Amino acid sequence: MHYICLVYVDESTFDGFTAEDHKKLAQESLAYDEDLQARGHFIAADALQPPAEAITVRVREGAMSTTDGPYLETKEHLGGFILIEARDMNEAVQIASKIPMARHGGIEVRAAMDIG
């Protein structure tokens, strides 16, 4: 079954990070992706640009509108995701607990919905 691990982060968490700290976290994250791939759990992952770079799209009564930035004002924002394969929610949560960004933010784990 597919599970998405949504990585939420408060950017202020990284205020004291040096360039080397950022590099080390990126290396740990990529190494964990490789480990998941070797164990047959990895499907896809990516980091996201900050919310200030986002555009929110809405369609109402056939008309499209766009708004710069995120829709909600929140302290934490979606910073990335990892799409994994796991046998059940317990295994997915165990996998998510080892995502390096879990030490700096929160990981929301959701099962994919079968709509077919």
N, C-alpha and C. Protein backbone atom coordinates (compact mmCIF):
# COMPACT_ATOMS: atom_id res chain seq x y z
N MET A 1 0.83 -1.17 0.00
CA MET A 1 0.00 0.00 0.00
C MET A 1 0.88 1.24 0.00
N HIS A 2 0.43 2.30 -0.66
CA HIS A 2 1.19 3.54 -0.71
C HIS A 2 0.80 4.46 0.44
N TYR A 3 1.81 5.10 1.00
CA TYR A 3 1.64 6.09 2.05
C TYR A 3 2.45 7.31 1.68
N ILE A 4 1.91 8.48 1.98
CA ILE A 4 2.67 9.70 1.77
C ILE A 4 3.06 10.25 3.13
N CYS A 5 4.30 10.60 3.25
CA CYS A 5 4.85 11.21 4.46
C CYS A 5 5.05 12.68 4.14
N LEU A 6 4.17 13.52 4.68
CA LEU A 6 4.22 14.96 4.43
C LEU A 6 5.10 15.61 5.49
N VAL A 7 6.12 16.30 5.06
CA VAL A 7 7.10 16.89 5.95
C VAL A 7 6.71 18.35 6.22
N TYR A 8 6.34 18.64 7.47
CA TYR A 8 5.99 20.01 7.86
C TYR A 8 7.13 20.59 8.69
N VAL A 9 7.44 21.84 8.42
CA VAL A 9 8.58 22.46 9.08
C VAL A 9 8.31 23.94 9.32
N ASP A 10 8.84 24.43 10.41
CA ASP A 10 8.85 25.86 10.72
C ASP A 10 10.23 26.36 10.31
N GLU A 11 10.28 27.24 9.35
CA GLU A 11 11.57 27.71 8.82
C GLU A 11 12.47 28.29 9.90
N SER A 12 11.89 28.84 10.97
CA SER A 12 12.72 29.43 12.02
C SER A 12 13.57 28.36 12.73
N THR A 13 13.19 27.10 12.58
CA THR A 13 13.97 26.00 13.16
C THR A 13 15.41 26.02 12.63
N PHE A 14 15.57 26.54 11.42
CA PHE A 14 16.89 26.51 10.78
C PHE A 14 17.64 27.83 10.91
N ASP A 15 17.15 28.74 11.72
CA ASP A 15 17.80 30.05 11.86
C ASP A 15 19.27 29.93 12.26
N GLY A 16 19.60 28.99 13.11
CA GLY A 16 20.98 28.84 13.57
C GLY A 16 21.82 27.90 12.72
N PHE A 17 21.24 27.36 11.66
CA PHE A 17 21.97 26.40 10.82
C PHE A 17 23.02 27.11 9.97
N THR A 18 24.18 26.49 9.92
CA THR A 18 25.23 26.95 9.00
C THR A 18 25.03 26.26 7.66
N ALA A 19 25.78 26.69 6.66
CA ALA A 19 25.73 26.03 5.35
C ALA A 19 26.09 24.56 5.50
N GLU A 20 27.03 24.27 6.36
CA GLU A 20 27.45 22.87 6.59
C GLU A 20 26.32 22.07 7.24
N ASP A 21 25.58 22.68 8.17
CA ASP A 21 24.44 22.00 8.80
C ASP A 21 23.38 21.64 7.75
N HIS A 22 23.08 22.59 6.85
CA HIS A 22 22.10 22.33 5.78
C HIS A 22 22.58 21.20 4.87
N LYS A 23 23.87 21.25 4.53
CA LYS A 23 24.45 20.22 3.66
C LYS A 23 24.37 18.85 4.32
N LYS A 24 24.68 18.77 5.61
CA LYS A 24 24.64 17.50 6.33
C LYS A 24 23.22 16.94 6.37
N LEU A 25 22.22 17.80 6.63
CA LEU A 25 20.83 17.35 6.66
C LEU A 25 20.39 16.85 5.28
N ALA A 26 20.78 17.55 4.24
CA ALA A 26 20.45 17.12 2.87
C ALA A 26 21.08 15.76 2.57
N GLN A 27 22.34 15.57 2.96
CA GLN A 27 23.02 14.29 2.74
C GLN A 27 22.34 13.16 3.51
N GLU A 28 21.95 13.42 4.77
CA GLU A 28 21.25 12.41 5.57
C GLU A 28 19.91 12.04 4.92
N SER A 29 19.22 13.05 4.42
CA SER A 29 17.92 12.81 3.79
C SER A 29 18.07 11.97 2.52
N LEU A 30 19.04 12.30 1.69
CA LEU A 30 19.27 11.53 0.46
C LEU A 30 19.73 10.11 0.78
N ALA A 31 20.55 9.95 1.81
CA ALA A 31 21.00 8.62 2.21
C ALA A 31 19.81 7.78 2.70
N TYR A 32 18.88 8.41 3.42
CA TYR A 32 17.70 7.67 3.89
C TYR A 32 16.82 7.27 2.71
N ASP A 33 16.67 8.15 1.73
CA ASP A 33 15.94 7.80 0.51
C ASP A 33 16.56 6.57 -0.16
N GLU A 34 17.88 6.56 -0.24
CA GLU A 34 18.59 5.43 -0.86
C GLU A 34 18.37 4.15 -0.06
N ASP A 35 18.39 4.25 1.26
CA ASP A 35 18.14 3.09 2.12
C ASP A 35 16.72 2.56 1.90
N LEU A 36 15.75 3.46 1.84
CA LEU A 36 14.36 3.04 1.58
C LEU A 36 14.24 2.37 0.22
N GLN A 37 14.94 2.91 -0.77
CA GLN A 37 14.90 2.32 -2.11
C GLN A 37 15.49 0.91 -2.09
N ALA A 38 16.59 0.73 -1.40
CA ALA A 38 17.23 -0.58 -1.32
C ALA A 38 16.34 -1.61 -0.63
N ARG A 39 15.49 -1.13 0.30
CA ARG A 39 14.60 -2.04 1.02
C ARG A 39 13.21 -2.16 0.38
N GLY A 40 13.03 -1.51 -0.79
CA GLY A 40 11.78 -1.64 -1.53
C GLY A 40 10.65 -0.77 -1.03
N HIS A 41 10.96 0.28 -0.25
CA HIS A 41 9.92 1.15 0.28
C HIS A 41 9.79 2.47 -0.48
N PHE A 42 10.83 2.90 -1.14
CA PHE A 42 10.87 4.23 -1.75
C PHE A 42 10.13 4.26 -3.08
N ILE A 43 9.27 5.27 -3.24
CA ILE A 43 8.61 5.51 -4.53
C ILE A 43 9.06 6.85 -5.10
N ALA A 44 8.94 7.92 -4.32
CA ALA A 44 9.35 9.26 -4.77
C ALA A 44 9.51 10.16 -3.57
N ALA A 45 10.29 11.22 -3.73
CA ALA A 45 10.47 12.22 -2.67
C ALA A 45 10.94 13.51 -3.30
N ASP A 46 10.61 14.61 -2.66
CA ASP A 46 11.12 15.90 -3.11
C ASP A 46 10.93 16.93 -2.02
N ALA A 47 11.81 17.90 -2.01
CA ALA A 47 11.65 19.06 -1.13
C ALA A 47 10.91 20.12 -1.92
N LEU A 48 10.25 21.02 -1.22
CA LEU A 48 9.48 22.07 -1.87
C LEU A 48 10.07 23.44 -1.59
N GLN A 49 9.87 24.36 -2.52
CA GLN A 49 10.25 25.76 -2.31
C GLN A 49 9.38 26.32 -1.17
N PRO A 50 9.79 27.41 -0.54
CA PRO A 50 9.01 28.00 0.56
C PRO A 50 7.63 28.46 0.09
N PRO A 51 6.69 28.58 1.02
CA PRO A 51 5.33 29.00 0.67
C PRO A 51 5.26 30.33 -0.06
N ALA A 52 6.19 31.23 0.20
CA ALA A 52 6.18 32.53 -0.48
C ALA A 52 6.31 32.38 -1.99
N GLU A 53 6.83 31.24 -2.44
CA GLU A 53 7.00 30.97 -3.87
C GLU A 53 5.77 30.31 -4.48
N ALA A 54 4.78 29.98 -3.66
CA ALA A 54 3.60 29.23 -4.13
C ALA A 54 2.57 30.14 -4.79
N ILE A 55 1.74 29.54 -5.59
CA ILE A 55 0.55 30.18 -6.14
C ILE A 55 -0.62 29.25 -5.85
N THR A 56 -1.66 29.79 -5.24
CA THR A 56 -2.86 29.00 -4.96
C THR A 56 -3.85 29.22 -6.09
N VAL A 57 -4.35 28.11 -6.66
CA VAL A 57 -5.29 28.15 -7.79
C VAL A 57 -6.66 27.69 -7.31
N ARG A 58 -7.68 28.43 -7.70
CA ARG A 58 -9.06 28.06 -7.39
C ARG A 58 -9.90 28.22 -8.65
N VAL A 59 -10.89 27.37 -8.81
CA VAL A 59 -11.86 27.50 -9.88
C VAL A 59 -13.24 27.53 -9.24
N ARG A 60 -13.97 28.61 -9.46
CA ARG A 60 -15.32 28.77 -8.92
C ARG A 60 -16.24 29.18 -10.06
N GLU A 61 -17.29 28.41 -10.23
CA GLU A 61 -18.26 28.68 -11.29
C GLU A 61 -17.59 28.86 -12.64
N GLY A 62 -16.59 28.01 -12.90
CA GLY A 62 -15.90 28.00 -14.19
C GLY A 62 -14.82 29.05 -14.35
N ALA A 63 -14.63 29.92 -13.39
CA ALA A 63 -13.61 30.97 -13.49
C ALA A 63 -12.43 30.63 -12.59
N MET A 64 -11.23 30.74 -13.16
CA MET A 64 -10.01 30.47 -12.40
C MET A 64 -9.49 31.76 -11.78
N SER A 65 -9.01 31.64 -10.55
CA SER A 65 -8.33 32.76 -9.91
C SER A 65 -7.06 32.23 -9.27
N THR A 66 -6.06 33.09 -9.16
CA THR A 66 -4.81 32.70 -8.52
C THR A 66 -4.46 33.72 -7.44
N THR A 67 -3.80 33.24 -6.41
CA THR A 67 -3.33 34.08 -5.32
C THR A 67 -1.87 33.74 -5.08
N ASP A 68 -1.03 34.74 -4.98
CA ASP A 68 0.38 34.49 -4.67
C ASP A 68 0.50 34.00 -3.24
N GLY A 69 1.40 33.06 -3.04
CA GLY A 69 1.69 32.55 -1.71
C GLY A 69 0.69 31.52 -1.24
N PRO A 70 0.86 31.08 -0.01
CA PRO A 70 0.00 30.04 0.53
C PRO A 70 -1.37 30.60 0.91
N TYR A 71 -2.31 29.72 1.02
CA TYR A 71 -3.66 30.12 1.38
C TYR A 71 -3.77 30.44 2.87
N LEU A 72 -3.14 29.65 3.69
CA LEU A 72 -3.26 29.81 5.14
C LEU A 72 -1.99 30.42 5.72
N GLU A 73 -2.18 31.21 6.74
CA GLU A 73 -1.04 31.73 7.51
C GLU A 73 -0.79 30.77 8.66
N THR A 74 0.25 30.01 8.58
CA THR A 74 0.59 29.07 9.64
C THR A 74 2.08 29.16 9.92
N LYS A 75 2.45 28.71 11.10
CA LYS A 75 3.86 28.72 11.47
C LYS A 75 4.62 27.63 10.71
N GLU A 76 4.03 26.45 10.66
CA GLU A 76 4.64 25.35 9.91
C GLU A 76 4.02 25.29 8.52
N HIS A 77 4.82 24.84 7.57
CA HIS A 77 4.32 24.68 6.21
C HIS A 77 4.83 23.37 5.63
N LEU A 78 4.20 22.94 4.56
CA LEU A 78 4.61 21.72 3.88
C LEU A 78 5.95 21.98 3.20
N GLY A 79 6.95 21.24 3.63
CA GLY A 79 8.30 21.45 3.11
C GLY A 79 8.75 20.38 2.14
N GLY A 80 8.02 19.27 2.07
CA GLY A 80 8.40 18.20 1.16
C GLY A 80 7.57 16.97 1.44
N PHE A 81 7.88 15.91 0.71
CA PHE A 81 7.13 14.66 0.88
C PHE A 81 8.01 13.48 0.51
N ILE A 82 7.62 12.33 1.03
CA ILE A 82 8.21 11.05 0.62
C ILE A 82 7.03 10.11 0.40
N LEU A 83 6.95 9.56 -0.78
CA LEU A 83 5.92 8.57 -1.10
C LEU A 83 6.55 7.20 -0.93
N ILE A 84 5.96 6.38 -0.07
CA ILE A 84 6.55 5.09 0.26
C ILE A 84 5.57 3.95 0.03
N GLU A 85 6.10 2.76 0.04
CA GLU A 85 5.32 1.52 0.02
C GLU A 85 5.54 0.87 1.38
N ALA A 86 4.44 0.53 2.04
CA ALA A 86 4.53 -0.14 3.34
C ALA A 86 3.36 -1.11 3.45
N ARG A 87 3.52 -2.16 4.26
CA ARG A 87 2.46 -3.17 4.35
C ARG A 87 1.25 -2.67 5.13
N ASP A 88 1.48 -1.70 6.07
CA ASP A 88 0.37 -1.16 6.85
C ASP A 88 0.81 0.16 7.49
N MET A 89 -0.12 0.82 8.19
CA MET A 89 0.17 2.12 8.81
C MET A 89 1.28 2.01 9.84
N ASN A 90 1.33 0.92 10.58
CA ASN A 90 2.39 0.77 11.59
C ASN A 90 3.77 0.80 10.94
N GLU A 91 3.93 0.07 9.86
CA GLU A 91 5.23 0.07 9.17
C GLU A 91 5.50 1.45 8.59
N ALA A 92 4.49 2.11 8.03
CA ALA A 92 4.67 3.45 7.47
C ALA A 92 5.13 4.44 8.54
N VAL A 93 4.54 4.35 9.73
CA VAL A 93 4.92 5.24 10.83
C VAL A 93 6.36 4.96 11.26
N GLN A 94 6.75 3.70 11.31
CA GLN A 94 8.12 3.37 11.67
C GLN A 94 9.11 3.93 10.65
N ILE A 95 8.77 3.83 9.37
CA ILE A 95 9.61 4.40 8.32
C ILE A 95 9.68 5.92 8.48
N ALA A 96 8.54 6.56 8.70
CA ALA A 96 8.49 8.02 8.85
C ALA A 96 9.30 8.50 10.04
N SER A 97 9.34 7.71 11.09
CA SER A 97 10.06 8.13 12.30
C SER A 97 11.56 8.25 12.07
N LYS A 98 12.05 7.66 11.02
CA LYS A 98 13.49 7.71 10.72
C LYS A 98 13.84 8.75 9.66
N ILE A 99 12.85 9.48 9.15
CA ILE A 99 13.12 10.55 8.20
C ILE A 99 13.90 11.63 8.94
N PRO A 100 15.07 12.03 8.45
CA PRO A 100 15.88 13.00 9.17
C PRO A 100 15.14 14.30 9.52
N MET A 101 14.24 14.76 8.68
CA MET A 101 13.51 16.00 8.97
C MET A 101 12.55 15.85 10.15
N ALA A 102 12.26 14.63 10.59
CA ALA A 102 11.39 14.43 11.75
C ALA A 102 12.02 15.05 13.00
N ARG A 103 13.34 15.21 13.00
CA ARG A 103 14.02 15.83 14.14
C ARG A 103 13.82 17.34 14.16
N HIS A 104 13.34 17.91 13.06
CA HIS A 104 13.24 19.37 12.94
C HIS A 104 11.81 19.85 12.69
N GLY A 105 10.90 18.94 12.41
CA GLY A 105 9.52 19.31 12.13
C GLY A 105 8.61 18.14 12.42
N GLY A 106 7.50 18.07 11.74
CA GLY A 106 6.56 16.97 11.92
C GLY A 106 6.35 16.23 10.61
N ILE A 107 6.09 14.94 10.71
CA ILE A 107 5.82 14.12 9.54
C ILE A 107 4.39 13.61 9.66
N GLU A 108 3.53 14.01 8.73
CA GLU A 108 2.16 13.52 8.69
C GLU A 108 2.13 12.32 7.75
N VAL A 109 1.65 11.20 8.23
CA VAL A 109 1.60 9.97 7.42
C VAL A 109 0.14 9.72 7.03
N ARG A 110 -0.09 9.58 5.73
CA ARG A 110 -1.45 9.29 5.23
C ARG A 110 -1.40 8.17 4.21
N ALA A 111 -2.38 7.29 4.31
CA ALA A 111 -2.52 6.23 3.32
C ALA A 111 -3.14 6.82 2.06
N ALA A 112 -2.71 6.30 0.91
CA ALA A 112 -3.32 6.69 -0.35
C ALA A 112 -4.72 6.09 -0.43
N MET A 113 -5.62 6.83 -1.01
CA MET A 113 -7.00 6.37 -1.15
C MET A 113 -7.17 5.69 -2.50
N ASP A 114 -7.73 4.51 -2.49
CA ASP A 114 -8.02 3.79 -3.73
C ASP A 114 -9.34 4.32 -4.28
N ILE A 115 -9.26 5.10 -5.35
CA ILE A 115 -10.48 5.68 -5.93
C ILE A 115 -10.87 5.00 -7.23
N GLY A 116 -10.17 3.91 -7.55
CA GLY A 116 -10.44 3.22 -8.80
C GLY A 116 -11.46 2.23 -8.65
